[in-house]
Amino acid sequence: MERAGNFLGGMLRQLKRPEAAVAWLSGVWPSVVGKTLARHTRPVHCHKGCLEVAADGKAWRKQLEEMKSEFCAQVNKAWGGTLVREVKFVAAKPGPRHISHELDNEHTPFIRRRKA
């Protein structure tokens, strides 16, 4: 059975729409750049061969500037063609400060024991 990411990548290539490329990249981002980098980066915009990647903090952006060619190569390899010719690292917009426990998959509630 063919992997869904490979199948969807081929279908989205036919659409030739920038938002389709970003939607696909968002889904496969950890497998394209690795889990560690995916925790600190995310694709936000792709237009005319320029991919904007949001990165956490100045230190991450500075470090990633040296890896632009690797990002291009990995994205294009995963896409199966030339999608990206340039990568720009931009500041990540701050997310919500508090996520409700219903939406937080990392939250583990504690259970209180009743006194008898």
PDB file of N, CA and C in Angstrom:
ATOM      1  N   MET A   1       0.842  -1.187   0.000  1.00  0.00           N
ATOM      2  CA  MET A   1       0.000   0.000   0.000  1.00  0.00           C
ATOM      3  C   MET A   1       0.883   1.244   0.000  1.00  0.00           C
ATOM      4  N   GLU A   2       0.546   2.214  -0.803  1.00  0.00           N
ATOM      5  CA  GLU A   2       1.329   3.438  -0.926  1.00  0.00           C
ATOM      6  C   GLU A   2       1.075   4.343   0.281  1.00  0.00           C
ATOM      7  N   ARG A   3       2.144   4.981   0.770  1.00  0.00           N
ATOM      8  CA  ARG A   3       1.985   5.891   1.903  1.00  0.00           C
ATOM      9  C   ARG A   3       1.089   7.063   1.524  1.00  0.00           C
ATOM     10  N   ALA A   4       0.249   7.473   2.460  1.00  0.00           N
ATOM     11  CA  ALA A   4      -0.694   8.566   2.201  1.00  0.00           C
ATOM     12  C   ALA A   4       0.028   9.862   1.862  1.00  0.00           C
ATOM     13  N   GLY A   5       1.150  10.129   2.536  1.00  0.00           N
ATOM     14  CA  GLY A   5       1.912  11.350   2.263  1.00  0.00           C
ATOM     15  C   GLY A   5       2.412  11.405   0.840  1.00  0.00           C
ATOM     16  N   ASN A   6       2.878  10.269   0.321  1.00  0.00           N
ATOM     17  CA  ASN A   6       3.359  10.227  -1.061  1.00  0.00           C
ATOM     18  C   ASN A   6       2.204  10.450  -2.031  1.00  0.00           C
ATOM     19  N   PHE A   7       1.083   9.809  -1.769  1.00  0.00           N
ATOM     20  CA  PHE A   7      -0.085   9.944  -2.625  1.00  0.00           C
ATOM     21  C   PHE A   7      -0.606  11.375  -2.620  1.00  0.00           C
ATOM     22  N   LEU A   8      -0.759  11.946  -1.420  1.00  0.00           N
ATOM     23  CA  LEU A   8      -1.283  13.305  -1.308  1.00  0.00           C
ATOM     24  C   LEU A   8      -0.332  14.328  -1.906  1.00  0.00           C
ATOM     25  N   GLY A   9       0.972  14.102  -1.741  1.00  0.00           N
ATOM     26  CA  GLY A   9       1.948  15.009  -2.342  1.00  0.00           C
ATOM     27  C   GLY A   9       1.777  15.069  -3.845  1.00  0.00           C
ATOM     28  N   GLY A  10       1.582  13.917  -4.468  1.00  0.00           N
ATOM     29  CA  GLY A  10       1.370  13.873  -5.916  1.00  0.00           C
ATOM     30  C   GLY A  10       0.087  14.586  -6.326  1.00  0.00           C
ATOM     31  N   MET A  11      -0.968  14.374  -5.576  1.00  0.00           N
ATOM     32  CA  MET A  11      -2.238  15.037  -5.883  1.00  0.00           C
ATOM     33  C   MET A  11      -2.128  16.553  -5.720  1.00  0.00           C
ATOM     34  N   LEU A  12      -1.455  16.993  -4.647  1.00  0.00           N
ATOM     35  CA  LEU A  12      -1.334  18.427  -4.409  1.00  0.00           C
ATOM     36  C   LEU A  12      -0.421  19.101  -5.422  1.00  0.00           C
ATOM     37  N   ARG A  13       0.570  18.375  -5.937  1.00  0.00           N
ATOM     38  CA  ARG A  13       1.444  18.937  -6.980  1.00  0.00           C
ATOM     39  C   ARG A  13       0.624  19.305  -8.209  1.00  0.00           C
ATOM     40  N   GLN A  14      -0.411  18.528  -8.487  1.00  0.00           N
ATOM     41  CA  GLN A  14      -1.248  18.795  -9.648  1.00  0.00           C
ATOM     42  C   GLN A  14      -2.101  20.043  -9.457  1.00  0.00           C
ATOM     43  N   LEU A  15      -2.416  20.383  -8.211  1.00  0.00           N
ATOM     44  CA  LEU A  15      -3.226  21.570  -7.949  1.00  0.00           C
ATOM     45  C   LEU A  15      -2.479  22.862  -8.233  1.00  0.00           C
ATOM     46  N   LYS A  16      -1.171  22.867  -8.006  1.00  0.00           N
ATOM     47  CA  LYS A  16      -0.313  24.042  -8.232  1.00  0.00           C
ATOM     48  C   LYS A  16      -0.840  25.273  -7.487  1.00  0.00           C
ATOM     49  N   ARG A  17      -1.238  25.060  -6.236  1.00  0.00           N
ATOM     50  CA  ARG A  17      -1.706  26.165  -5.407  1.00  0.00           C
ATOM     51  C   ARG A  17      -0.816  26.267  -4.191  1.00  0.00           C
ATOM     52  N   PRO A  18      -0.351  27.467  -3.834  1.00  0.00           N
ATOM     53  CA  PRO A  18       0.572  27.614  -2.706  1.00  0.00           C
ATOM     54  C   PRO A  18      -0.008  27.142  -1.374  1.00  0.00           C
ATOM     55  N   GLU A  19      -1.283  27.378  -1.136  1.00  0.00           N
ATOM     56  CA  GLU A  19      -1.859  26.955   0.144  1.00  0.00           C
ATOM     57  C   GLU A  19      -1.941  25.437   0.240  1.00  0.00           C
ATOM     58  N   ALA A  20      -2.062  24.765  -0.897  1.00  0.00           N
ATOM     59  CA  ALA A  20      -2.060  23.306  -0.898  1.00  0.00           C
ATOM     60  C   ALA A  20      -0.685  22.782  -0.493  1.00  0.00           C
ATOM     61  N   ALA A  21       0.359  23.434  -0.976  1.00  0.00           N
ATOM     62  CA  ALA A  21       1.716  23.023  -0.635  1.00  0.00           C
ATOM     63  C   ALA A  21       1.985  23.211   0.853  1.00  0.00           C
ATOM     64  N   VAL A  22       1.557  24.320   1.428  1.00  0.00           N
ATOM     65  CA  VAL A  22       1.768  24.581   2.856  1.00  0.00           C
ATOM     66  C   VAL A  22       0.958  23.603   3.696  1.00  0.00           C
ATOM     67  N   ALA A  23      -0.256  23.295   3.260  1.00  0.00           N
ATOM     68  CA  ALA A  23      -1.076  22.326   3.998  1.00  0.00           C
ATOM     69  C   ALA A  23      -0.400  20.961   4.000  1.00  0.00           C
ATOM     70  N   TRP A  24       0.110  20.547   2.865  1.00  0.00           N
ATOM     71  CA  TRP A  24       0.810  19.258   2.782  1.00  0.00           C
ATOM     72  C   TRP A  24       2.080  19.291   3.636  1.00  0.00           C
ATOM     73  N   LEU A  25       2.864  20.358   3.510  1.00  0.00           N
ATOM     74  CA  LEU A  25       4.104  20.479   4.284  1.00  0.00           C
ATOM     75  C   LEU A  25       3.833  20.447   5.782  1.00  0.00           C
ATOM     76  N   SER A  26       2.774  21.098   6.214  1.00  0.00           N
ATOM     77  CA  SER A  26       2.445  21.105   7.646  1.00  0.00           C
ATOM     78  C   SER A  26       2.208  19.696   8.162  1.00  0.00           C
ATOM     79  N   GLY A  27       1.605  18.865   7.346  1.00  0.00           N
ATOM     80  CA  GLY A  27       1.319  17.500   7.758  1.00  0.00           C
ATOM     81  C   GLY A  27       2.535  16.597   7.804  1.00  0.00           C
ATOM     82  N   VAL A  28       3.487  16.832   6.909  1.00  0.00           N
ATOM     83  CA  VAL A  28       4.667  15.951   6.830  1.00  0.00           C
ATOM     84  C   VAL A  28       5.926  16.608   7.388  1.00  0.00           C
ATOM     85  N   TRP A  29       5.794  17.781   7.968  1.00  0.00           N
ATOM     86  CA  TRP A  29       6.944  18.555   8.430  1.00  0.00           C
ATOM     87  C   TRP A  29       7.915  17.769   9.312  1.00  0.00           C
ATOM     88  N   PRO A  30       7.467  17.022  10.331  1.00  0.00           N
ATOM     89  CA  PRO A  30       8.424  16.270  11.156  1.00  0.00           C
ATOM     90  C   PRO A  30       9.224  15.239  10.362  1.00  0.00           C
ATOM     91  N   SER A  31       8.627  14.636   9.362  1.00  0.00           N
ATOM     92  CA  SER A  31       9.376  13.651   8.576  1.00  0.00           C
ATOM     93  C   SER A  31      10.315  14.324   7.577  1.00  0.00           C
ATOM     94  N   VAL A  32      10.046  15.566   7.224  1.00  0.00           N
ATOM     95  CA  VAL A  32      10.901  16.290   6.278  1.00  0.00           C
ATOM     96  C   VAL A  32      12.127  16.871   6.977  1.00  0.00           C
ATOM     97  N   VAL A  33      11.929  17.525   8.111  1.00  0.00           N
ATOM     98  CA  VAL A  33      13.047  18.208   8.771  1.00  0.00           C
ATOM     99  C   VAL A  33      13.524  17.510  10.039  1.00  0.00           C
ATOM    100  N   GLY A  34      12.804  16.503  10.492  1.00  0.00           N
ATOM    101  CA  GLY A  34      13.171  15.822  11.729  1.00  0.00           C
ATOM    102  C   GLY A  34      12.338  16.338  12.890  1.00  0.00           C
ATOM    103  N   LYS A  35      12.173  15.492  13.894  1.00  0.00           N
ATOM    104  CA  LYS A  35      11.298  15.829  15.021  1.00  0.00           C
ATOM    105  C   LYS A  35      11.800  17.020  15.828  1.00  0.00           C
ATOM    106  N   THR A  36      13.113  17.095  16.036  1.00  0.00           N
ATOM    107  CA  THR A  36      13.658  18.191  16.843  1.00  0.00           C
ATOM    108  C   THR A  36      13.421  19.537  16.185  1.00  0.00           C
ATOM    109  N   LEU A  37      13.751  19.651  14.898  1.00  0.00           N
ATOM    110  CA  LEU A  37      13.539  20.921  14.201  1.00  0.00           C
ATOM    111  C   LEU A  37      12.052  21.222  14.053  1.00  0.00           C
ATOM    112  N   ALA A  38      11.240  20.199  13.884  1.00  0.00           N
ATOM    113  CA  ALA A  38       9.801  20.414  13.725  1.00  0.00           C
ATOM    114  C   ALA A  38       9.176  21.004  14.985  1.00  0.00           C
ATOM    115  N   ARG A  39       9.756  20.709  16.152  1.00  0.00           N
ATOM    116  CA  ARG A  39       9.239  21.279  17.397  1.00  0.00           C
ATOM    117  C   ARG A  39       9.469  22.784  17.472  1.00  0.00           C
ATOM    118  N   HIS A  40      10.465  23.276  16.731  1.00  0.00           N
ATOM    119  CA  HIS A  40      10.827  24.692  16.819  1.00  0.00           C
ATOM    120  C   HIS A  40      10.568  25.470  15.537  1.00  0.00           C
ATOM    121  N   THR A  41      10.063  24.797  14.509  1.00  0.00           N
ATOM    122  CA  THR A  41       9.781  25.457  13.237  1.00  0.00           C
ATOM    123  C   THR A  41       8.460  24.957  12.680  1.00  0.00           C
ATOM    124  N   ARG A  42       7.901  25.743  11.751  1.00  0.00           N
ATOM    125  CA  ARG A  42       6.728  25.287  11.015  1.00  0.00           C
ATOM    126  C   ARG A  42       6.601  26.111   9.733  1.00  0.00           C
ATOM    127  N   PRO A  43       6.176  25.481   8.651  1.00  0.00           N
ATOM    128  CA  PRO A  43       5.993  26.229   7.402  1.00  0.00           C
ATOM    129  C   PRO A  43       4.751  27.109   7.507  1.00  0.00           C
ATOM    130  N   VAL A  44       4.863  28.360   7.053  1.00  0.00           N
ATOM    131  CA  VAL A  44       3.725  29.263   7.174  1.00  0.00           C
ATOM    132  C   VAL A  44       3.238  29.810   5.835  1.00  0.00           C
ATOM    133  N   HIS A  45       4.125  29.902   4.844  1.00  0.00           N
ATOM    134  CA  HIS A  45       3.726  30.488   3.557  1.00  0.00           C
ATOM    135  C   HIS A  45       4.667  29.999   2.469  1.00  0.00           C
ATOM    136  N   CYS A  46       4.107  29.734   1.306  1.00  0.00           N
ATOM    137  CA  CYS A  46       4.926  29.330   0.164  1.00  0.00           C
ATOM    138  C   CYS A  46       4.367  30.018  -1.065  1.00  0.00           C
ATOM    139  N   HIS A  47       5.204  30.838  -1.701  1.00  0.00           N
ATOM    140  CA  HIS A  47       4.752  31.573  -2.884  1.00  0.00           C
ATOM    141  C   HIS A  47       5.918  31.777  -3.836  1.00  0.00           C
ATOM    142  N   LYS A  48       5.727  31.375  -5.076  1.00  0.00           N
ATOM    143  CA  LYS A  48       6.716  31.546  -6.143  1.00  0.00           C
ATOM    144  C   LYS A  48       8.088  31.013  -5.754  1.00  0.00           C
ATOM    145  N   GLY A  49       8.124  29.844  -5.170  1.00  0.00           N
ATOM    146  CA  GLY A  49       9.388  29.191  -4.839  1.00  0.00           C
ATOM    147  C   GLY A  49      10.038  29.649  -3.549  1.00  0.00           C
ATOM    148  N   CYS A  50       9.389  30.555  -2.821  1.00  0.00           N
ATOM    149  CA  CYS A  50       9.927  31.034  -1.547  1.00  0.00           C
ATOM    150  C   CYS A  50       9.081  30.473  -0.405  1.00  0.00           C
ATOM    151  N   LEU A  51       9.716  29.709   0.455  1.00  0.00           N
ATOM    152  CA  LEU A  51       9.043  29.119   1.611  1.00  0.00           C
ATOM    153  C   LEU A  51       9.403  29.916   2.847  1.00  0.00           C
ATOM    154  N   GLU A  52       8.381  30.391   3.558  1.00  0.00           N
ATOM    155  CA  GLU A  52       8.594  31.067   4.834  1.00  0.00           C
ATOM    156  C   GLU A  52       8.382  30.055   5.945  1.00  0.00           C
ATOM    157  N   VAL A  53       9.366  29.992   6.821  1.00  0.00           N
ATOM    158  CA  VAL A  53       9.322  29.056   7.940  1.00  0.00           C
ATOM    159  C   VAL A  53       9.391  29.847   9.231  1.00  0.00           C
ATOM    160  N   ALA A  54       8.400  29.682  10.082  1.00  0.00           N
ATOM    161  CA  ALA A  54       8.403  30.339  11.392  1.00  0.00           C
ATOM    162  C   ALA A  54       9.306  29.549  12.321  1.00  0.00           C
ATOM    163  N   ALA A  55      10.194  30.257  13.012  1.00  0.00           N
ATOM    164  CA  ALA A  55      11.136  29.616  13.927  1.00  0.00           C
ATOM    165  C   ALA A  55      11.072  30.294  15.286  1.00  0.00           C
ATOM    166  N   ASP A  56      11.238  29.498  16.330  1.00  0.00           N
ATOM    167  CA  ASP A  56      11.195  30.009  17.701  1.00  0.00           C
ATOM    168  C   ASP A  56      12.456  30.812  18.010  1.00  0.00           C
ATOM    169  N   GLY A  57      12.303  32.079  18.290  1.00  0.00           N
ATOM    170  CA  GLY A  57      13.385  32.910  18.796  1.00  0.00           C
ATOM    171  C   GLY A  57      14.502  33.214  17.807  1.00  0.00           C
ATOM    172  N   LYS A  58      15.254  34.262  18.131  1.00  0.00           N
ATOM    173  CA  LYS A  58      16.360  34.703  17.279  1.00  0.00           C
ATOM    174  C   LYS A  58      17.469  33.669  17.184  1.00  0.00           C
ATOM    175  N   ALA A  59      17.734  32.982  18.280  1.00  0.00           N
ATOM    176  CA  ALA A  59      18.815  31.993  18.277  1.00  0.00           C
ATOM    177  C   ALA A  59      18.527  30.873  17.280  1.00  0.00           C
ATOM    178  N   TRP A  60      17.287  30.402  17.253  1.00  0.00           N
ATOM    179  CA  TRP A  60      16.920  29.356  16.295  1.00  0.00           C
ATOM    180  C   TRP A  60      17.012  29.871  14.878  1.00  0.00           C
ATOM    181  N   ARG A  61      16.502  31.084  14.615  1.00  0.00           N
ATOM    182  CA  ARG A  61      16.554  31.638  13.256  1.00  0.00           C
ATOM    183  C   ARG A  61      17.984  31.806  12.788  1.00  0.00           C
ATOM    184  N   LYS A  62      18.845  32.297  13.655  1.00  0.00           N
ATOM    185  CA  LYS A  62      20.252  32.495  13.283  1.00  0.00           C
ATOM    186  C   LYS A  62      20.916  31.158  12.953  1.00  0.00           C
ATOM    187  N   GLN A  63      20.668  30.157  13.762  1.00  0.00           N
ATOM    188  CA  GLN A  63      21.256  28.834  13.533  1.00  0.00           C
ATOM    189  C   GLN A  63      20.732  28.227  12.230  1.00  0.00           C
ATOM    190  N   LEU A  64      19.456  28.417  11.968  1.00  0.00           N
ATOM    191  CA  LEU A  64      18.835  27.822  10.785  1.00  0.00           C
ATOM    192  C   LEU A  64      19.233  28.510   9.486  1.00  0.00           C
ATOM    193  N   GLU A  65      19.655  29.765   9.566  1.00  0.00           N
ATOM    194  CA  GLU A  65      20.093  30.485   8.364  1.00  0.00           C
ATOM    195  C   GLU A  65      21.184  29.712   7.620  1.00  0.00           C
ATOM    196  N   GLU A  66      22.028  29.024   8.367  1.00  0.00           N
ATOM    197  CA  GLU A  66      23.115  28.261   7.761  1.00  0.00           C
ATOM    198  C   GLU A  66      22.615  26.972   7.112  1.00  0.00           C
ATOM    199  N   MET A  67      21.363  26.608   7.357  1.00  0.00           N
ATOM    200  CA  MET A  67      20.826  25.350   6.853  1.00  0.00           C
ATOM    201  C   MET A  67      19.813  25.547   5.729  1.00  0.00           C
ATOM    202  N   LYS A  68      19.772  26.724   5.118  1.00  0.00           N
ATOM    203  CA  LYS A  68      18.780  27.011   4.092  1.00  0.00           C
ATOM    204  C   LYS A  68      18.820  26.010   2.945  1.00  0.00           C
ATOM    205  N   SER A  69      20.009  25.694   2.470  1.00  0.00           N
ATOM    206  CA  SER A  69      20.113  24.779   1.326  1.00  0.00           C
ATOM    207  C   SER A  69      19.631  23.377   1.695  1.00  0.00           C
ATOM    208  N   GLU A  70      19.896  22.942   2.936  1.00  0.00           N
ATOM    209  CA  GLU A  70      19.413  21.632   3.378  1.00  0.00           C
ATOM    210  C   GLU A  70      17.884  21.606   3.446  1.00  0.00           C
ATOM    211  N   PHE A  71      17.280  22.706   3.936  1.00  0.00           N
ATOM    212  CA  PHE A  71      15.828  22.790   3.987  1.00  0.00           C
ATOM    213  C   PHE A  71      15.248  22.685   2.580  1.00  0.00           C
ATOM    214  N   CYS A  72      15.807  23.443   1.640  1.00  0.00           N
ATOM    215  CA  CYS A  72      15.326  23.393   0.254  1.00  0.00           C
ATOM    216  C   CYS A  72      15.413  21.974  -0.294  1.00  0.00           C
ATOM    217  N   ALA A  73      16.553  21.341  -0.107  1.00  0.00           N
ATOM    218  CA  ALA A  73      16.758  19.993  -0.642  1.00  0.00           C
ATOM    219  C   ALA A  73      15.783  19.000  -0.033  1.00  0.00           C
ATOM    220  N   GLN A  74      15.585  19.055   1.275  1.00  0.00           N
ATOM    221  CA  GLN A  74      14.689  18.108   1.944  1.00  0.00           C
ATOM    222  C   GLN A  74      13.232  18.320   1.519  1.00  0.00           C
ATOM    223  N   VAL A  75      12.808  19.567   1.417  1.00  0.00           N
ATOM    224  CA  VAL A  75      11.432  19.860   1.011  1.00  0.00           C
ATOM    225  C   VAL A  75      11.211  19.394  -0.427  1.00  0.00           C
ATOM    226  N   ASN A  76      12.133  19.713  -1.314  1.00  0.00           N
ATOM    227  CA  ASN A  76      11.995  19.322  -2.712  1.00  0.00           C
ATOM    228  C   ASN A  76      12.033  17.811  -2.888  1.00  0.00           C
ATOM    229  N   LYS A  77      12.863  17.148  -2.103  1.00  0.00           N
ATOM    230  CA  LYS A  77      12.928  15.682  -2.161  1.00  0.00           C
ATOM    231  C   LYS A  77      11.591  15.084  -1.731  1.00  0.00           C
ATOM    232  N   ALA A  78      11.028  15.585  -0.631  1.00  0.00           N
ATOM    233  CA  ALA A  78       9.751  15.076  -0.139  1.00  0.00           C
ATOM    234  C   ALA A  78       8.618  15.400  -1.113  1.00  0.00           C
ATOM    235  N   TRP A  79       8.681  16.559  -1.741  1.00  0.00           N
ATOM    236  CA  TRP A  79       7.655  16.993  -2.681  1.00  0.00           C
ATOM    237  C   TRP A  79       7.729  16.187  -3.980  1.00  0.00           C
ATOM    238  N   GLY A  80       8.927  15.766  -4.339  1.00  0.00           N
ATOM    239  CA  GLY A  80       9.100  15.007  -5.575  1.00  0.00           C
ATOM    240  C   GLY A  80       9.301  15.901  -6.777  1.00  0.00           C
ATOM    241  N   GLY A  81       9.773  17.089  -6.560  1.00  0.00           N
ATOM    242  CA  GLY A  81      10.010  18.071  -7.622  1.00  0.00           C
ATOM    243  C   GLY A  81      10.515  19.350  -6.995  1.00  0.00           C
ATOM    244  N   THR A  82      10.620  20.393  -7.819  1.00  0.00           N
ATOM    245  CA  THR A  82      11.112  21.666  -7.300  1.00  0.00           C
ATOM    246  C   THR A  82       9.936  22.517  -6.833  1.00  0.00           C
ATOM    247  N   LEU A  83       9.762  22.567  -5.557  1.00  0.00           N
ATOM    248  CA  LEU A  83       8.733  23.405  -4.946  1.00  0.00           C
ATOM    249  C   LEU A  83       9.363  24.676  -4.392  1.00  0.00           C
ATOM    250  N   VAL A  84      10.560  24.545  -3.825  1.00  0.00           N
ATOM    251  CA  VAL A  84      11.208  25.638  -3.099  1.00  0.00           C
ATOM    252  C   VAL A  84      12.580  25.938  -3.690  1.00  0.00           C
ATOM    253  N   ARG A  85      12.831  27.226  -3.940  1.00  0.00           N
ATOM    254  CA  ARG A  85      14.157  27.669  -4.374  1.00  0.00           C
ATOM    255  C   ARG A  85      14.836  28.513  -3.292  1.00  0.00           C
ATOM    256  N   GLU A  86      14.011  29.026  -2.376  1.00  0.00           N
ATOM    257  CA  GLU A  86      14.517  29.905  -1.319  1.00  0.00           C
ATOM    258  C   GLU A  86      13.738  29.656  -0.038  1.00  0.00           C
ATOM    259  N   VAL A  87      14.424  29.761   1.094  1.00  0.00           N
ATOM    260  CA  VAL A  87      13.771  29.626   2.395  1.00  0.00           C
ATOM    261  C   VAL A  87      14.057  30.878   3.206  1.00  0.00           C
ATOM    262  N   LYS A  88      13.020  31.444   3.798  1.00  0.00           N
ATOM    263  CA  LYS A  88      13.160  32.589   4.702  1.00  0.00           C
ATOM    264  C   LYS A  88      12.677  32.152   6.071  1.00  0.00           C
ATOM    265  N   PHE A  89      13.449  32.486   7.091  1.00  0.00           N
ATOM    266  CA  PHE A  89      13.056  32.184   8.461  1.00  0.00           C
ATOM    267  C   PHE A  89      12.500  33.442   9.089  1.00  0.00           C
ATOM    268  N   VAL A  90      11.285  33.333   9.598  1.00  0.00           N
ATOM    269  CA  VAL A  90      10.601  34.475  10.193  1.00  0.00           C
ATOM    270  C   VAL A  90      10.283  34.164  11.645  1.00  0.00           C
ATOM    271  N   ALA A  91       9.963  35.207  12.391  1.00  0.00           N
ATOM    272  CA  ALA A  91       9.636  35.028  13.807  1.00  0.00           C
ATOM    273  C   ALA A  91       8.297  34.318  13.939  1.00  0.00           C
ATOM    274  N   ALA A  92       8.254  33.374  14.849  1.00  0.00           N
ATOM    275  CA  ALA A  92       7.007  32.662  15.127  1.00  0.00           C
ATOM    276  C   ALA A  92       6.101  33.571  15.940  1.00  0.00           C
ATOM    277  N   LYS A  93       4.855  33.608  15.553  1.00  0.00           N
ATOM    278  CA  LYS A  93       3.901  34.405  16.320  1.00  0.00           C
ATOM    279  C   LYS A  93       3.586  33.658  17.599  1.00  0.00           C
ATOM    280  N   PRO A  94       3.531  34.377  18.700  1.00  0.00           N
ATOM    281  CA  PRO A  94       3.252  33.694  19.967  1.00  0.00           C
ATOM    282  C   PRO A  94       1.868  33.078  19.954  1.00  0.00           C
ATOM    283  N   GLY A  95       1.795  31.865  20.477  1.00  0.00           N
ATOM    284  CA  GLY A  95       0.524  31.159  20.565  1.00  0.00           C
ATOM    285  C   GLY A  95      -0.203  31.546  21.824  1.00  0.00           C
ATOM    286  N   PRO A  96      -1.292  30.900  22.066  1.00  0.00           N
ATOM    287  CA  PRO A  96      -2.045  31.213  23.283  1.00  0.00           C
ATOM    288  C   PRO A  96      -1.237  30.845  24.518  1.00  0.00           C
ATOM    289  N   ARG A  97      -1.314  31.678  25.534  1.00  0.00           N
ATOM    290  CA  ARG A  97      -0.550  31.424  26.757  1.00  0.00           C
ATOM    291  C   ARG A  97      -1.117  30.246  27.529  1.00  0.00           C
ATOM    292  N   HIS A  98      -2.421  30.075  27.470  1.00  0.00           N
ATOM    293  CA  HIS A  98      -3.032  28.982  28.208  1.00  0.00           C
ATOM    294  C   HIS A  98      -3.918  28.178  27.263  1.00  0.00           C
ATOM    295  N   ILE A  99      -3.707  26.893  27.230  1.00  0.00           N
ATOM    296  CA  ILE A  99      -4.533  25.999  26.434  1.00  0.00           C
ATOM    297  C   ILE A  99      -5.431  25.247  27.407  1.00  0.00           C
ATOM    298  N   SER A 100      -6.698  25.196  27.083  1.00  0.00           N
ATOM    299  CA  SER A 100      -7.613  24.491  27.985  1.00  0.00           C
ATOM    300  C   SER A 100      -7.222  23.017  28.052  1.00  0.00           C
ATOM    301  N   HIS A 101      -7.477  22.403  29.168  1.00  0.00           N
ATOM    302  CA  HIS A 101      -7.092  21.007  29.370  1.00  0.00           C
ATOM    303  C   HIS A 101      -7.788  20.075  28.377  1.00  0.00           C
ATOM    304  N   GLU A 102      -8.951  20.454  27.898  1.00  0.00           N
ATOM    305  CA  GLU A 102      -9.665  19.627  26.925  1.00  0.00           C
ATOM    306  C   GLU A 102      -8.910  19.549  25.605  1.00  0.00           C
ATOM    307  N   LEU A 103      -8.174  20.615  25.256  1.00  0.00           N
ATOM    308  CA  LEU A 103      -7.452  20.659  23.986  1.00  0.00           C
ATOM    309  C   LEU A 103      -5.982  20.272  24.108  1.00  0.00           C
ATOM    310  N   ASP A 104      -5.476  20.180  25.327  1.00  0.00           N
ATOM    311  CA  ASP A 104      -4.057  19.896  25.555  1.00  0.00           C
ATOM    312  C   ASP A 104      -3.827  18.393  25.659  1.00  0.00           C
ATOM    313  N   ASN A 105      -3.226  17.814  24.637  1.00  0.00           N
ATOM    314  CA  ASN A 105      -2.958  16.373  24.630  1.00  0.00           C
ATOM    315  C   ASN A 105      -1.872  15.972  25.617  1.00  0.00           C
ATOM    316  N   GLU A 106      -1.086  16.917  26.077  1.00  0.00           N
ATOM    317  CA  GLU A 106      -0.002  16.620  27.011  1.00  0.00           C
ATOM    318  C   GLU A 106      -0.461  16.659  28.469  1.00  0.00           C
ATOM    319  N   HIS A 107      -1.680  17.142  28.703  1.00  0.00           N
ATOM    320  CA  HIS A 107      -2.184  17.278  30.070  1.00  0.00           C
ATOM    321  C   HIS A 107      -2.614  15.921  30.627  1.00  0.00           C
ATOM    322  N   THR A 108      -2.108  15.591  31.784  1.00  0.00           N
ATOM    323  CA  THR A 108      -2.509  14.370  32.481  1.00  0.00           C
ATOM    324  C   THR A 108      -3.136  14.783  33.802  1.00  0.00           C
ATOM    325  N   PRO A 109      -4.430  14.594  33.939  1.00  0.00           N
ATOM    326  CA  PRO A 109      -5.082  15.009  35.184  1.00  0.00           C
ATOM    327  C   PRO A 109      -4.728  14.073  36.331  1.00  0.00           C
ATOM    328  N   PHE A 110      -4.769  14.602  37.513  1.00  0.00           N
ATOM    329  CA  PHE A 110      -4.514  13.755  38.673  1.00  0.00           C
ATOM    330  C   PHE A 110      -5.854  13.340  39.268  1.00  0.00           C
ATOM    331  N   ILE A 111      -5.823  12.275  40.029  1.00  0.00           N
ATOM    332  CA  ILE A 111      -7.050  11.755  40.641  1.00  0.00           C
ATOM    333  C   ILE A 111      -6.897  11.862  42.153  1.00  0.00           C
ATOM    334  N   ARG A 112      -7.866  12.497  42.770  1.00  0.00           N
ATOM    335  CA  ARG A 112      -7.832  12.621  44.233  1.00  0.00           C
ATOM    336  C   ARG A 112      -8.551  11.424  44.832  1.00  0.00           C
ATOM    337  N   ARG A 113      -7.988  10.954  45.903  1.00  0.00           N
ATOM    338  CA  ARG A 113      -8.651   9.870  46.623  1.00  0.00           C
ATOM    339  C   ARG A 113      -9.578  10.470  47.674  1.00  0.00           C
ATOM    340  N   ARG A 114     -10.695   9.865  47.813  1.00  0.00           N
ATOM    341  CA  ARG A 114     -11.645  10.357  48.810  1.00  0.00           C
ATOM    342  C   ARG A 114     -11.276   9.778  50.161  1.00  0.00           C
ATOM    343  N   LYS A 115     -11.415  10.594  51.138  1.00  0.00           N
ATOM    344  CA  LYS A 115     -11.183  10.109  52.505  1.00  0.00           C
ATOM    345  C   LYS A 115     -12.402   9.330  52.964  1.00  0.00           C
ATOM    346  N   ALA A 116     -12.143   8.184  53.536  1.00  0.00           N
ATOM    347  CA  ALA A 116     -13.273   7.330  53.966  1.00  0.00           C
ATOM    348  C   ALA A 116     -13.729   7.658  55.357  1.00  0.00           C
TER     349      ALA A 116
END
